[in-house]
Amino acid sequence: MAIEINYQADIRHQTISSYTKQWATDFGDIATELSDSKFHLYSAGPNPPTVGVKYAIQSNSPQSKAAIVMESKGMHAAMVFEVNEIKKSTGTTLIEGKNENLQFGKYLIPIPDADLEDPQFHQLQLKQTQLKLSGINISDDIDTSIFEIVFAMLTDNINRNDIDLGVYNLLRGNIDPMMKTLEAQGIDVNTPLKDIVIARQFDVSSEMPVIDTVGVTEANEILLIA
């Protein structure tokens, strides 16, 4: 799948690096603040034999808002679940998810027509996607990063500096490893979005992306395997 970059008009003069740096500043450090209820983390999948995974995370800081939706093909996550006997495949072959992307914004909202009194993991989407990076090779990074973050919190070992995963560091306020990951895949992170050949401005009339139902992973299941 070819790499695609989509952005909103109001950030067209920003670079991927400058936008992501401001987003990470607003988001904060999930490992130090998740236990204080400053974040909401929702996940869906894997649901063998199809193992796509989606995470939706929002910062609830009163000073600023930041949210992210991440889609992984889920093969790494599914293997970890199987090893820990949390979710077993019903067949001999796992089918990887179709999507692999990062979506940045400010707020998560329930998908229209969902039960607003009890929103579930798979019923959320970004209110407005400000920046979307699609077709990037990021699945294993996403899966491993989430496990490492939960493990760091469970073991009270949040000061590790030996993890160079892009998503792990991004969710902890450090964008450098993620920028290196994107650059390694040929993405220019220092040119204004409006000048990047493969970047396209979102159509204002286009529908907001949604998080499809792919099965729900409860938070305590993640904790069990970390």
N, C-alpha and C. Protein backbone atom coordinates (compact mmCIF):
# COMPACT_ATOMS: atom_id res chain seq x y z
N MET A 1 0.83 -1.19 0.00
CA MET A 1 0.00 0.00 0.00
C MET A 1 0.87 1.25 0.00
N ALA A 2 0.57 2.19 -0.87
CA ALA A 2 1.36 3.42 -0.97
C ALA A 2 1.12 4.31 0.24
N ILE A 3 2.15 5.04 0.62
CA ILE A 3 2.02 5.97 1.75
C ILE A 3 1.19 7.17 1.32
N GLU A 4 0.26 7.55 2.17
CA GLU A 4 -0.58 8.72 1.92
C GLU A 4 -0.57 9.62 3.14
N ILE A 5 -0.57 10.93 2.90
CA ILE A 5 -0.61 11.91 3.98
C ILE A 5 -1.79 12.84 3.72
N ASN A 6 -2.65 13.00 4.71
CA ASN A 6 -3.79 13.92 4.60
C ASN A 6 -3.76 14.89 5.77
N TYR A 7 -4.16 16.13 5.51
CA TYR A 7 -4.07 17.15 6.54
C TYR A 7 -5.20 18.18 6.38
N GLN A 8 -5.49 18.87 7.46
CA GLN A 8 -6.48 19.95 7.42
C GLN A 8 -5.82 21.25 6.94
N ALA A 9 -6.62 22.11 6.34
CA ALA A 9 -6.10 23.34 5.75
C ALA A 9 -5.38 24.22 6.77
N ASP A 10 -5.85 24.21 8.03
CA ASP A 10 -5.27 25.13 9.01
C ASP A 10 -3.87 24.73 9.46
N ILE A 11 -3.39 23.56 9.07
CA ILE A 11 -2.01 23.19 9.42
C ILE A 11 -1.14 23.03 8.17
N ARG A 12 -1.60 23.52 7.04
CA ARG A 12 -0.90 23.31 5.78
C ARG A 12 0.50 23.92 5.76
N HIS A 13 0.74 24.96 6.56
CA HIS A 13 2.06 25.59 6.59
C HIS A 13 3.00 24.92 7.59
N GLN A 14 2.47 24.01 8.36
CA GLN A 14 3.31 23.30 9.33
C GLN A 14 3.97 22.09 8.67
N THR A 15 5.06 21.66 9.26
CA THR A 15 5.69 20.41 8.85
C THR A 15 5.15 19.28 9.71
N ILE A 16 5.39 18.04 9.30
CA ILE A 16 4.98 16.92 10.14
C ILE A 16 5.68 17.00 11.49
N SER A 17 6.94 17.40 11.46
CA SER A 17 7.71 17.51 12.70
C SER A 17 7.16 18.59 13.62
N SER A 18 6.88 19.78 13.08
CA SER A 18 6.40 20.87 13.94
C SER A 18 5.01 20.60 14.48
N TYR A 19 4.14 20.04 13.63
CA TYR A 19 2.79 19.72 14.10
C TYR A 19 2.85 18.64 15.19
N THR A 20 3.62 17.59 14.94
CA THR A 20 3.68 16.47 15.89
C THR A 20 4.31 16.90 17.21
N LYS A 21 5.27 17.80 17.15
CA LYS A 21 5.89 18.29 18.39
C LYS A 21 4.87 19.02 19.24
N GLN A 22 4.05 19.88 18.64
CA GLN A 22 3.04 20.59 19.39
C GLN A 22 1.97 19.63 19.91
N TRP A 23 1.60 18.65 19.07
CA TRP A 23 0.62 17.66 19.49
C TRP A 23 1.14 16.89 20.71
N ALA A 24 2.39 16.45 20.66
CA ALA A 24 2.98 15.68 21.76
C ALA A 24 3.05 16.51 23.05
N THR A 25 3.33 17.81 22.91
CA THR A 25 3.36 18.69 24.07
C THR A 25 1.98 18.76 24.72
N ASP A 26 0.95 18.88 23.89
CA ASP A 26 -0.42 18.92 24.40
C ASP A 26 -0.83 17.58 25.01
N PHE A 27 -0.36 16.49 24.41
CA PHE A 27 -0.77 15.16 24.85
C PHE A 27 -0.16 14.80 26.20
N GLY A 28 1.12 15.08 26.38
CA GLY A 28 1.78 14.76 27.65
C GLY A 28 2.40 13.38 27.65
N ASP A 29 2.64 12.85 28.84
CA ASP A 29 3.29 11.56 29.04
C ASP A 29 2.27 10.56 29.57
N ILE A 30 1.85 9.66 28.73
CA ILE A 30 0.79 8.73 29.11
C ILE A 30 1.21 7.79 30.24
N ALA A 31 2.47 7.43 30.32
CA ALA A 31 2.92 6.48 31.34
C ALA A 31 2.88 7.07 32.74
N THR A 32 3.09 8.36 32.86
CA THR A 32 3.09 8.98 34.18
C THR A 32 1.73 9.49 34.59
N GLU A 33 0.82 9.65 33.61
CA GLU A 33 -0.45 10.30 33.92
C GLU A 33 -1.68 9.42 33.71
N LEU A 34 -1.54 8.26 33.07
CA LEU A 34 -2.71 7.42 32.82
C LEU A 34 -3.37 6.98 34.12
N SER A 35 -2.56 6.65 35.12
CA SER A 35 -3.12 6.20 36.39
C SER A 35 -3.86 7.30 37.12
N ASP A 36 -3.61 8.55 36.76
CA ASP A 36 -4.30 9.68 37.40
C ASP A 36 -5.54 10.10 36.63
N SER A 37 -5.99 9.24 35.72
CA SER A 37 -7.20 9.47 34.93
C SER A 37 -7.10 10.70 34.02
N LYS A 38 -5.89 11.03 33.61
CA LYS A 38 -5.72 12.16 32.70
C LYS A 38 -5.82 11.72 31.24
N PHE A 39 -5.97 10.41 31.03
CA PHE A 39 -6.11 9.87 29.69
C PHE A 39 -7.24 8.85 29.66
N HIS A 40 -7.88 8.73 28.51
CA HIS A 40 -8.78 7.62 28.24
C HIS A 40 -8.15 6.80 27.13
N LEU A 41 -8.02 5.50 27.34
CA LEU A 41 -7.45 4.61 26.34
C LEU A 41 -8.48 3.54 25.99
N TYR A 42 -8.83 3.46 24.73
CA TYR A 42 -9.80 2.49 24.24
C TYR A 42 -9.11 1.60 23.21
N SER A 43 -9.48 0.33 23.19
CA SER A 43 -8.90 -0.57 22.18
C SER A 43 -9.95 -1.52 21.65
N ALA A 44 -9.74 -1.94 20.41
CA ALA A 44 -10.61 -2.92 19.77
C ALA A 44 -9.74 -3.93 19.03
N GLY A 45 -10.00 -5.23 19.26
CA GLY A 45 -9.23 -6.27 18.62
C GLY A 45 -8.07 -6.71 19.51
N PRO A 46 -7.30 -7.72 19.08
CA PRO A 46 -7.60 -8.57 17.91
C PRO A 46 -8.75 -9.54 18.18
N ASN A 47 -9.37 -9.97 17.12
CA ASN A 47 -10.49 -10.90 17.22
C ASN A 47 -10.26 -12.03 16.21
N PRO A 48 -9.38 -13.00 16.58
CA PRO A 48 -9.01 -14.05 15.63
C PRO A 48 -10.21 -14.71 14.97
N PRO A 49 -10.08 -15.11 13.67
CA PRO A 49 -8.81 -15.14 12.94
C PRO A 49 -8.36 -13.80 12.37
N THR A 50 -9.28 -12.80 12.26
CA THR A 50 -8.85 -11.49 11.80
C THR A 50 -8.29 -10.72 12.99
N VAL A 51 -7.11 -10.14 12.84
CA VAL A 51 -6.40 -9.64 14.03
C VAL A 51 -6.06 -8.16 13.97
N GLY A 52 -6.76 -7.38 13.17
CA GLY A 52 -6.52 -5.95 13.18
C GLY A 52 -6.81 -5.35 14.55
N VAL A 53 -6.00 -4.38 14.95
CA VAL A 53 -6.16 -3.74 16.25
C VAL A 53 -6.24 -2.23 16.06
N LYS A 54 -7.12 -1.60 16.84
CA LYS A 54 -7.22 -0.14 16.81
C LYS A 54 -7.19 0.39 18.24
N TYR A 55 -6.44 1.46 18.42
CA TYR A 55 -6.37 2.13 19.72
C TYR A 55 -6.83 3.57 19.54
N ALA A 56 -7.62 4.06 20.48
CA ALA A 56 -8.05 5.45 20.49
C ALA A 56 -7.73 6.00 21.87
N ILE A 57 -6.92 7.04 21.91
CA ILE A 57 -6.45 7.57 23.19
C ILE A 57 -6.66 9.08 23.21
N GLN A 58 -7.16 9.59 24.32
CA GLN A 58 -7.39 11.03 24.44
C GLN A 58 -6.83 11.55 25.75
N SER A 59 -6.14 12.68 25.67
CA SER A 59 -5.69 13.40 26.86
C SER A 59 -6.83 14.25 27.37
N ASN A 60 -7.02 14.23 28.68
CA ASN A 60 -8.10 15.01 29.28
C ASN A 60 -7.58 16.20 30.08
N SER A 61 -6.38 16.65 29.75
CA SER A 61 -5.82 17.79 30.44
C SER A 61 -6.70 19.02 30.25
N PRO A 62 -7.01 19.75 31.31
CA PRO A 62 -7.85 20.94 31.16
C PRO A 62 -7.15 22.06 30.40
N GLN A 63 -5.81 22.01 30.35
CA GLN A 63 -5.06 23.06 29.66
C GLN A 63 -5.08 22.87 28.14
N SER A 64 -5.08 21.64 27.68
CA SER A 64 -5.03 21.38 26.25
C SER A 64 -5.62 20.02 25.96
N LYS A 65 -6.00 19.82 24.73
CA LYS A 65 -6.60 18.55 24.32
C LYS A 65 -5.78 17.94 23.19
N ALA A 66 -5.64 16.64 23.22
CA ALA A 66 -4.97 15.92 22.14
C ALA A 66 -5.48 14.49 22.14
N ALA A 67 -5.70 13.95 20.95
CA ALA A 67 -6.19 12.57 20.82
C ALA A 67 -5.53 11.93 19.61
N ILE A 68 -5.49 10.60 19.64
CA ILE A 68 -4.88 9.86 18.54
C ILE A 68 -5.65 8.56 18.32
N VAL A 69 -5.77 8.17 17.07
CA VAL A 69 -6.30 6.86 16.69
C VAL A 69 -5.19 6.16 15.92
N MET A 70 -4.89 4.93 16.32
CA MET A 70 -3.83 4.15 15.68
C MET A 70 -4.40 2.82 15.21
N GLU A 71 -4.13 2.46 13.98
CA GLU A 71 -4.58 1.19 13.43
C GLU A 71 -3.37 0.32 13.10
N SER A 72 -3.42 -0.90 13.58
CA SER A 72 -2.35 -1.87 13.36
C SER A 72 -2.91 -3.10 12.67
N LYS A 73 -2.08 -3.75 11.87
CA LYS A 73 -2.49 -5.01 11.25
C LYS A 73 -2.62 -6.11 12.29
N GLY A 74 -2.00 -5.92 13.45
CA GLY A 74 -2.29 -6.74 14.61
C GLY A 74 -1.62 -8.08 14.75
N MET A 75 -0.72 -8.43 13.86
CA MET A 75 -0.11 -9.76 13.94
C MET A 75 0.70 -9.93 15.22
N HIS A 76 1.46 -8.92 15.59
CA HIS A 76 2.27 -9.03 16.81
C HIS A 76 1.37 -9.11 18.04
N ALA A 77 0.35 -8.26 18.08
CA ALA A 77 -0.57 -8.28 19.22
C ALA A 77 -1.26 -9.63 19.34
N ALA A 78 -1.69 -10.18 18.22
CA ALA A 78 -2.38 -11.46 18.24
C ALA A 78 -1.48 -12.57 18.76
N MET A 79 -0.22 -12.56 18.37
CA MET A 79 0.71 -13.59 18.84
C MET A 79 0.95 -13.49 20.34
N VAL A 80 1.03 -12.25 20.85
CA VAL A 80 1.20 -12.07 22.29
C VAL A 80 -0.02 -12.58 23.04
N PHE A 81 -1.21 -12.27 22.52
CA PHE A 81 -2.44 -12.74 23.15
C PHE A 81 -2.47 -14.27 23.17
N GLU A 82 -2.08 -14.90 22.07
CA GLU A 82 -2.13 -16.36 22.00
C GLU A 82 -1.13 -17.00 22.95
N VAL A 83 0.08 -16.44 23.01
CA VAL A 83 1.10 -16.97 23.90
C VAL A 83 0.61 -16.93 25.34
N ASN A 84 -0.13 -15.87 25.68
CA ASN A 84 -0.63 -15.71 27.04
C ASN A 84 -2.01 -16.33 27.23
N GLU A 85 -2.49 -17.05 26.20
CA GLU A 85 -3.76 -17.76 26.24
C GLU A 85 -4.93 -16.85 26.60
N ILE A 86 -4.88 -15.61 26.12
CA ILE A 86 -5.99 -14.68 26.35
C ILE A 86 -7.00 -14.77 25.23
N LYS A 87 -6.52 -14.83 24.00
CA LYS A 87 -7.42 -15.00 22.87
C LYS A 87 -6.79 -16.01 21.92
N LYS A 88 -7.47 -17.11 21.71
CA LYS A 88 -6.98 -18.16 20.84
C LYS A 88 -7.61 -18.06 19.46
N SER A 89 -6.83 -18.33 18.45
CA SER A 89 -7.35 -18.34 17.09
C SER A 89 -8.21 -19.58 16.90
N THR A 90 -9.31 -19.42 16.18
CA THR A 90 -10.20 -20.55 15.92
C THR A 90 -9.73 -21.36 14.72
N GLY A 91 -8.75 -20.83 14.01
CA GLY A 91 -8.24 -21.52 12.83
C GLY A 91 -6.73 -21.64 12.89
N THR A 92 -6.15 -22.17 11.84
CA THR A 92 -4.70 -22.35 11.83
C THR A 92 -3.99 -21.13 11.26
N THR A 93 -4.71 -20.26 10.58
CA THR A 93 -4.08 -19.11 9.94
C THR A 93 -4.70 -17.81 10.44
N LEU A 94 -3.86 -16.91 10.91
CA LEU A 94 -4.32 -15.60 11.33
C LEU A 94 -4.38 -14.68 10.12
N ILE A 95 -5.41 -13.87 10.04
CA ILE A 95 -5.57 -12.93 8.93
C ILE A 95 -5.28 -11.53 9.45
N GLU A 96 -4.23 -10.90 8.92
CA GLU A 96 -3.87 -9.58 9.41
C GLU A 96 -4.89 -8.54 9.02
N GLY A 97 -4.97 -7.48 9.81
CA GLY A 97 -5.88 -6.39 9.52
C GLY A 97 -5.49 -5.67 8.24
N LYS A 98 -6.43 -4.92 7.69
CA LYS A 98 -6.18 -4.25 6.41
C LYS A 98 -5.54 -2.88 6.57
N ASN A 99 -5.74 -2.25 7.71
CA ASN A 99 -5.32 -0.86 7.87
C ASN A 99 -4.09 -0.70 8.75
N GLU A 100 -3.34 0.34 8.45
CA GLU A 100 -2.11 0.62 9.18
C GLU A 100 -1.88 2.13 9.10
N ASN A 101 -2.22 2.85 10.17
CA ASN A 101 -2.10 4.30 10.08
C ASN A 101 -2.07 4.95 11.45
N LEU A 102 -1.74 6.25 11.43
CA LEU A 102 -1.80 7.11 12.60
C LEU A 102 -2.69 8.29 12.26
N GLN A 103 -3.60 8.63 13.17
CA GLN A 103 -4.50 9.76 12.97
C GLN A 103 -4.43 10.67 14.19
N PHE A 104 -4.14 11.95 13.96
CA PHE A 104 -3.98 12.91 15.04
C PHE A 104 -5.13 13.91 15.06
N GLY A 105 -5.53 14.30 16.26
CA GLY A 105 -6.58 15.30 16.40
C GLY A 105 -6.63 15.79 17.83
N LYS A 106 -7.78 16.33 18.23
CA LYS A 106 -7.93 16.90 19.57
C LYS A 106 -8.93 16.16 20.44
N TYR A 107 -9.99 15.65 19.83
CA TYR A 107 -11.08 15.07 20.62
C TYR A 107 -11.55 13.75 20.03
N LEU A 108 -11.96 12.84 20.92
CA LEU A 108 -12.66 11.63 20.51
C LEU A 108 -14.15 11.82 20.76
N ILE A 109 -14.96 11.36 19.83
CA ILE A 109 -16.41 11.44 19.99
C ILE A 109 -17.02 10.09 19.63
N PRO A 110 -18.21 9.81 20.14
CA PRO A 110 -18.89 8.58 19.74
C PRO A 110 -19.23 8.61 18.26
N ILE A 111 -19.16 7.46 17.63
CA ILE A 111 -19.60 7.36 16.24
C ILE A 111 -21.10 7.61 16.19
N PRO A 112 -21.59 8.37 15.22
CA PRO A 112 -23.03 8.64 15.13
C PRO A 112 -23.86 7.37 15.19
N ASP A 113 -25.00 7.46 15.88
CA ASP A 113 -25.95 6.37 16.04
C ASP A 113 -25.52 5.35 17.09
N ALA A 114 -24.37 5.59 17.74
CA ALA A 114 -23.95 4.70 18.81
C ALA A 114 -24.74 5.05 20.07
N ASP A 115 -24.68 4.17 21.06
CA ASP A 115 -25.36 4.42 22.33
C ASP A 115 -24.56 5.45 23.12
N LEU A 116 -25.00 6.68 23.12
CA LEU A 116 -24.24 7.76 23.72
C LEU A 116 -24.16 7.64 25.24
N GLU A 117 -25.06 6.88 25.86
CA GLU A 117 -25.03 6.75 27.31
C GLU A 117 -23.96 5.77 27.76
N ASP A 118 -23.50 4.93 26.86
CA ASP A 118 -22.49 3.94 27.23
C ASP A 118 -21.58 3.69 26.04
N PRO A 119 -20.76 4.68 25.64
CA PRO A 119 -19.88 4.50 24.48
C PRO A 119 -18.86 3.41 24.73
N GLN A 120 -18.69 2.54 23.76
CA GLN A 120 -17.74 1.45 23.87
C GLN A 120 -16.50 1.76 23.06
N PHE A 121 -15.49 0.87 23.17
CA PHE A 121 -14.20 1.09 22.55
C PHE A 121 -14.31 1.30 21.03
N HIS A 122 -15.12 0.48 20.38
CA HIS A 122 -15.20 0.51 18.93
C HIS A 122 -16.18 1.54 18.43
N GLN A 123 -16.72 2.39 19.30
CA GLN A 123 -17.73 3.37 18.90
C GLN A 123 -17.16 4.79 18.85
N LEU A 124 -15.84 4.93 18.88
CA LEU A 124 -15.24 6.25 18.94
C LEU A 124 -14.45 6.59 17.68
N GLN A 125 -14.37 7.89 17.42
CA GLN A 125 -13.58 8.39 16.30
C GLN A 125 -13.09 9.78 16.68
N LEU A 126 -12.14 10.31 15.92
CA LEU A 126 -11.72 11.68 16.12
C LEU A 126 -12.82 12.62 15.65
N LYS A 127 -13.05 13.67 16.42
CA LYS A 127 -14.02 14.67 15.99
C LYS A 127 -13.59 15.29 14.68
N GLN A 128 -12.30 15.57 14.56
CA GLN A 128 -11.72 16.03 13.30
C GLN A 128 -10.30 15.50 13.23
N THR A 129 -9.98 14.80 12.16
CA THR A 129 -8.62 14.32 11.96
C THR A 129 -7.80 15.45 11.37
N GLN A 130 -6.81 15.91 12.12
CA GLN A 130 -5.97 17.01 11.65
C GLN A 130 -4.86 16.52 10.72
N LEU A 131 -4.31 15.36 11.05
CA LEU A 131 -3.23 14.78 10.25
C LEU A 131 -3.37 13.27 10.25
N LYS A 132 -3.30 12.67 9.07
CA LYS A 132 -3.39 11.22 8.95
C LYS A 132 -2.26 10.70 8.08
N LEU A 133 -1.54 9.72 8.60
CA LEU A 133 -0.46 9.06 7.88
C LEU A 133 -0.89 7.63 7.63
N SER A 134 -1.07 7.28 6.37
CA SER A 134 -1.57 5.95 6.01
C SER A 134 -0.52 5.20 5.18
N GLY A 135 -0.60 3.86 5.25
CA GLY A 135 0.29 3.03 4.44
C GLY A 135 1.70 2.96 4.96
N ILE A 136 1.92 3.44 6.18
CA ILE A 136 3.26 3.38 6.76
C ILE A 136 3.44 2.05 7.47
N ASN A 137 4.67 1.61 7.56
CA ASN A 137 4.99 0.35 8.24
C ASN A 137 5.13 0.65 9.73
N ILE A 138 4.03 0.51 10.46
CA ILE A 138 4.02 0.94 11.86
C ILE A 138 3.33 -0.06 12.78
N SER A 139 2.80 -1.16 12.25
CA SER A 139 1.99 -2.09 13.06
C SER A 139 2.72 -2.66 14.25
N ASP A 140 3.90 -3.25 14.03
CA ASP A 140 4.63 -3.87 15.14
C ASP A 140 5.03 -2.82 16.17
N ASP A 141 5.37 -1.63 15.70
CA ASP A 141 5.73 -0.54 16.59
C ASP A 141 4.54 -0.19 17.49
N ILE A 142 3.34 -0.08 16.90
CA ILE A 142 2.15 0.24 17.68
C ILE A 142 1.89 -0.83 18.74
N ASP A 143 1.84 -2.09 18.30
CA ASP A 143 1.52 -3.19 19.22
C ASP A 143 2.52 -3.26 20.38
N THR A 144 3.81 -3.24 20.05
CA THR A 144 4.84 -3.36 21.07
C THR A 144 4.84 -2.15 22.00
N SER A 145 4.62 -0.97 21.44
CA SER A 145 4.63 0.25 22.25
C SER A 145 3.56 0.23 23.32
N ILE A 146 2.35 -0.20 22.96
CA ILE A 146 1.27 -0.26 23.94
C ILE A 146 1.62 -1.23 25.07
N PHE A 147 2.15 -2.40 24.72
CA PHE A 147 2.53 -3.36 25.74
C PHE A 147 3.64 -2.80 26.64
N GLU A 148 4.61 -2.11 26.05
CA GLU A 148 5.72 -1.55 26.83
C GLU A 148 5.23 -0.46 27.78
N ILE A 149 4.28 0.35 27.34
CA ILE A 149 3.76 1.40 28.19
C ILE A 149 3.03 0.80 29.40
N VAL A 150 2.19 -0.19 29.14
CA VAL A 150 1.46 -0.82 30.24
C VAL A 150 2.42 -1.54 31.19
N PHE A 151 3.42 -2.21 30.62
CA PHE A 151 4.41 -2.92 31.44
C PHE A 151 5.19 -1.93 32.31
N ALA A 152 5.56 -0.80 31.74
CA ALA A 152 6.31 0.21 32.51
C ALA A 152 5.49 0.71 33.69
N MET A 153 4.19 0.86 33.49
CA MET A 153 3.32 1.33 34.56
C MET A 153 3.13 0.26 35.63
N LEU A 154 2.96 -0.99 35.20
CA LEU A 154 2.74 -2.07 36.16
C LEU A 154 3.95 -2.32 37.03
N THR A 155 5.13 -2.15 36.46
CA THR A 155 6.37 -2.42 37.19
C THR A 155 6.97 -1.16 37.80
N ASP A 156 6.25 -0.05 37.67
CA ASP A 156 6.72 1.24 38.19
C ASP A 156 8.11 1.55 37.65
N ASN A 157 8.29 1.27 36.37
CA ASN A 157 9.59 1.49 35.74
C ASN A 157 9.38 2.42 34.54
N ILE A 158 8.93 3.63 34.84
CA ILE A 158 8.55 4.55 33.77
C ILE A 158 9.70 5.44 33.31
N ASN A 159 10.85 5.28 33.90
CA ASN A 159 11.98 6.15 33.55
C ASN A 159 12.99 5.48 32.62
N ARG A 160 12.59 4.41 31.97
CA ARG A 160 13.49 3.73 31.03
C ARG A 160 13.80 4.64 29.86
N ASN A 161 15.04 4.62 29.41
CA ASN A 161 15.44 5.44 28.27
C ASN A 161 16.07 4.59 27.16
N ASP A 162 15.81 3.26 27.23
CA ASP A 162 16.42 2.36 26.26
C ASP A 162 15.42 1.85 25.23
N ILE A 163 14.25 2.47 25.14
CA ILE A 163 13.23 2.04 24.18
C ILE A 163 13.15 3.08 23.06
N ASP A 164 13.47 2.64 21.83
CA ASP A 164 13.50 3.59 20.72
C ASP A 164 12.29 3.46 19.80
N LEU A 165 11.21 2.84 20.29
CA LEU A 165 10.00 2.70 19.49
C LEU A 165 9.37 4.06 19.24
N GLY A 166 8.87 4.26 18.01
CA GLY A 166 8.29 5.55 17.65
C GLY A 166 7.05 5.90 18.44
N VAL A 167 6.08 4.97 18.49
CA VAL A 167 4.81 5.24 19.17
C VAL A 167 5.01 5.35 20.68
N TYR A 168 5.81 4.48 21.25
CA TYR A 168 6.08 4.52 22.70
C TYR A 168 6.57 5.91 23.11
N ASN A 169 7.55 6.41 22.39
CA ASN A 169 8.10 7.72 22.74
C ASN A 169 7.15 8.85 22.41
N LEU A 170 6.41 8.73 21.30
CA LEU A 170 5.44 9.75 20.93
C LEU A 170 4.41 9.94 22.04
N LEU A 171 3.90 8.83 22.59
CA LEU A 171 2.90 8.91 23.64
C LEU A 171 3.48 9.32 24.98
N ARG A 172 4.80 9.45 25.02
CA ARG A 172 5.46 9.93 26.23
C ARG A 172 6.08 11.31 26.03
N GLY A 173 5.76 11.95 24.89
CA GLY A 173 6.18 13.33 24.68
C GLY A 173 7.44 13.54 23.89
N ASN A 174 8.06 12.45 23.40
CA ASN A 174 9.30 12.55 22.63
C ASN A 174 9.04 12.13 21.19
N ILE A 175 9.16 13.06 20.25
CA ILE A 175 8.81 12.75 18.86
C ILE A 175 10.00 12.25 18.04
N ASP A 176 11.22 12.33 18.56
CA ASP A 176 12.40 12.04 17.73
C ASP A 176 12.41 10.64 17.13
N PRO A 177 12.17 9.57 17.92
CA PRO A 177 12.15 8.24 17.30
C PRO A 177 11.09 8.09 16.23
N MET A 178 9.93 8.70 16.41
CA MET A 178 8.89 8.63 15.39
C MET A 178 9.31 9.35 14.12
N MET A 179 9.95 10.49 14.25
CA MET A 179 10.42 11.21 13.06
C MET A 179 11.46 10.37 12.31
N LYS A 180 12.32 9.68 13.04
CA LYS A 180 13.32 8.81 12.39
C LYS A 180 12.64 7.64 11.68
N THR A 181 11.59 7.11 12.30
CA THR A 181 10.84 6.02 11.68
C THR A 181 10.21 6.47 10.37
N LEU A 182 9.61 7.63 10.37
CA LEU A 182 8.97 8.15 9.16
C LEU A 182 10.00 8.49 8.08
N GLU A 183 11.10 9.10 8.48
CA GLU A 183 12.15 9.45 7.52
C GLU A 183 12.74 8.20 6.88
N ALA A 184 12.86 7.13 7.66
CA ALA A 184 13.40 5.88 7.13
C ALA A 184 12.51 5.28 6.05
N GLN A 185 11.24 5.69 6.05
CA GLN A 185 10.30 5.21 5.04
C GLN A 185 10.09 6.22 3.92
N GLY A 186 10.97 7.22 3.86
CA GLY A 186 10.96 8.17 2.77
C GLY A 186 10.04 9.36 2.96
N ILE A 187 9.55 9.59 4.16
CA ILE A 187 8.63 10.71 4.42
C ILE A 187 9.43 11.94 4.86
N ASP A 188 9.20 13.05 4.20
CA ASP A 188 9.85 14.31 4.54
C ASP A 188 9.11 14.95 5.70
N VAL A 189 9.74 15.02 6.85
CA VAL A 189 9.07 15.54 8.04
C VAL A 189 9.37 17.02 8.28
N ASN A 190 10.21 17.62 7.43
CA ASN A 190 10.64 19.00 7.65
C ASN A 190 10.20 19.97 6.56
N THR A 191 9.36 19.52 5.64
CA THR A 191 8.82 20.37 4.59
C THR A 191 7.36 20.68 4.91
N PRO A 192 6.91 21.92 4.70
CA PRO A 192 5.49 22.22 4.95
C PRO A 192 4.58 21.24 4.23
N LEU A 193 3.52 20.85 4.90
CA LEU A 193 2.61 19.84 4.36
C LEU A 193 2.11 20.22 2.97
N LYS A 194 1.85 21.49 2.74
CA LYS A 194 1.31 21.94 1.45
C LYS A 194 2.30 21.72 0.30
N ASP A 195 3.57 21.52 0.63
CA ASP A 195 4.60 21.36 -0.40
C ASP A 195 5.07 19.92 -0.58
N ILE A 196 4.50 19.00 0.19
CA ILE A 196 4.87 17.59 0.07
C ILE A 196 4.05 16.96 -1.04
N VAL A 197 4.72 16.33 -1.99
CA VAL A 197 4.06 15.81 -3.19
C VAL A 197 2.96 14.81 -2.85
N ILE A 198 3.21 13.92 -1.89
CA ILE A 198 2.24 12.86 -1.61
C ILE A 198 1.19 13.29 -0.59
N ALA A 199 1.25 14.54 -0.13
CA ALA A 199 0.30 15.02 0.87
C ALA A 199 -0.90 15.68 0.19
N ARG A 200 -2.08 15.44 0.75
CA ARG A 200 -3.31 16.00 0.22
C ARG A 200 -4.12 16.63 1.34
N GLN A 201 -4.70 17.78 1.05
CA GLN A 201 -5.57 18.43 2.02
C GLN A 201 -6.90 17.71 2.09
N PHE A 202 -7.42 17.53 3.31
CA PHE A 202 -8.72 16.89 3.46
C PHE A 202 -9.79 17.70 2.74
N ASP A 203 -10.70 16.99 2.13
CA ASP A 203 -11.88 17.61 1.54
C ASP A 203 -12.82 17.97 2.68
N VAL A 204 -13.20 19.24 2.78
CA VAL A 204 -14.04 19.67 3.90
C VAL A 204 -15.38 18.97 3.92
N SER A 205 -15.79 18.44 2.80
CA SER A 205 -17.09 17.76 2.75
C SER A 205 -16.99 16.27 2.98
N SER A 206 -15.76 15.78 3.13
CA SER A 206 -15.59 14.34 3.31
C SER A 206 -16.05 13.91 4.69
N GLU A 207 -16.45 12.67 4.80
CA GLU A 207 -16.91 12.14 6.08
C GLU A 207 -15.73 11.85 6.98
N MET A 208 -15.97 11.94 8.27
CA MET A 208 -14.93 11.64 9.23
C MET A 208 -14.68 10.13 9.26
N PRO A 209 -13.40 9.73 9.40
CA PRO A 209 -13.11 8.30 9.48
C PRO A 209 -13.71 7.71 10.73
N VAL A 210 -14.07 6.43 10.69
CA VAL A 210 -14.65 5.77 11.86
C VAL A 210 -13.81 4.59 12.25
N ILE A 211 -14.01 4.15 13.49
CA ILE A 211 -13.34 2.96 13.99
C ILE A 211 -14.29 1.80 13.83
N ASP A 212 -13.97 0.89 12.94
CA ASP A 212 -14.85 -0.24 12.69
C ASP A 212 -14.85 -1.20 13.86
N THR A 213 -15.91 -1.95 14.01
CA THR A 213 -15.98 -2.95 15.06
C THR A 213 -15.16 -4.16 14.65
N VAL A 214 -14.09 -4.43 15.41
CA VAL A 214 -13.27 -5.60 15.11
C VAL A 214 -13.11 -6.47 16.35
N GLY A 215 -13.97 -6.28 17.34
CA GLY A 215 -13.87 -7.03 18.58
C GLY A 215 -13.24 -6.17 19.65
N VAL A 216 -13.59 -6.39 20.88
CA VAL A 216 -13.16 -5.50 21.96
C VAL A 216 -12.12 -6.16 22.83
N THR A 217 -11.08 -5.42 23.16
CA THR A 217 -10.09 -5.86 24.13
C THR A 217 -10.23 -5.01 25.37
N GLU A 218 -10.64 -5.60 26.47
CA GLU A 218 -10.80 -4.84 27.70
C GLU A 218 -9.43 -4.44 28.24
N ALA A 219 -9.39 -3.36 29.00
CA ALA A 219 -8.14 -2.86 29.54
C ALA A 219 -7.46 -3.90 30.42
N ASN A 220 -8.26 -4.66 31.21
CA ASN A 220 -7.63 -5.64 32.10
C ASN A 220 -6.99 -6.77 31.33
N GLU A 221 -7.44 -7.04 30.10
CA GLU A 221 -6.79 -8.07 29.30
C GLU A 221 -5.41 -7.61 28.88
N ILE A 222 -5.27 -6.34 28.56
CA ILE A 222 -3.97 -5.82 28.21
C ILE A 222 -3.04 -5.91 29.42
N LEU A 223 -3.55 -5.58 30.59
CA LEU A 223 -2.73 -5.63 31.77
C LEU A 223 -2.23 -7.04 32.06
N LEU A 224 -3.02 -8.03 31.77
CA LEU A 224 -2.63 -9.40 32.06
C LEU A 224 -1.43 -9.85 31.25
N ILE A 225 -1.25 -9.28 30.06
CA ILE A 225 -0.19 -9.78 29.21
C ILE A 225 1.05 -8.91 29.24
N ALA A 226 0.95 -7.76 29.87
CA ALA A 226 2.10 -6.84 29.86
C ALA A 226 3.21 -7.38 30.75
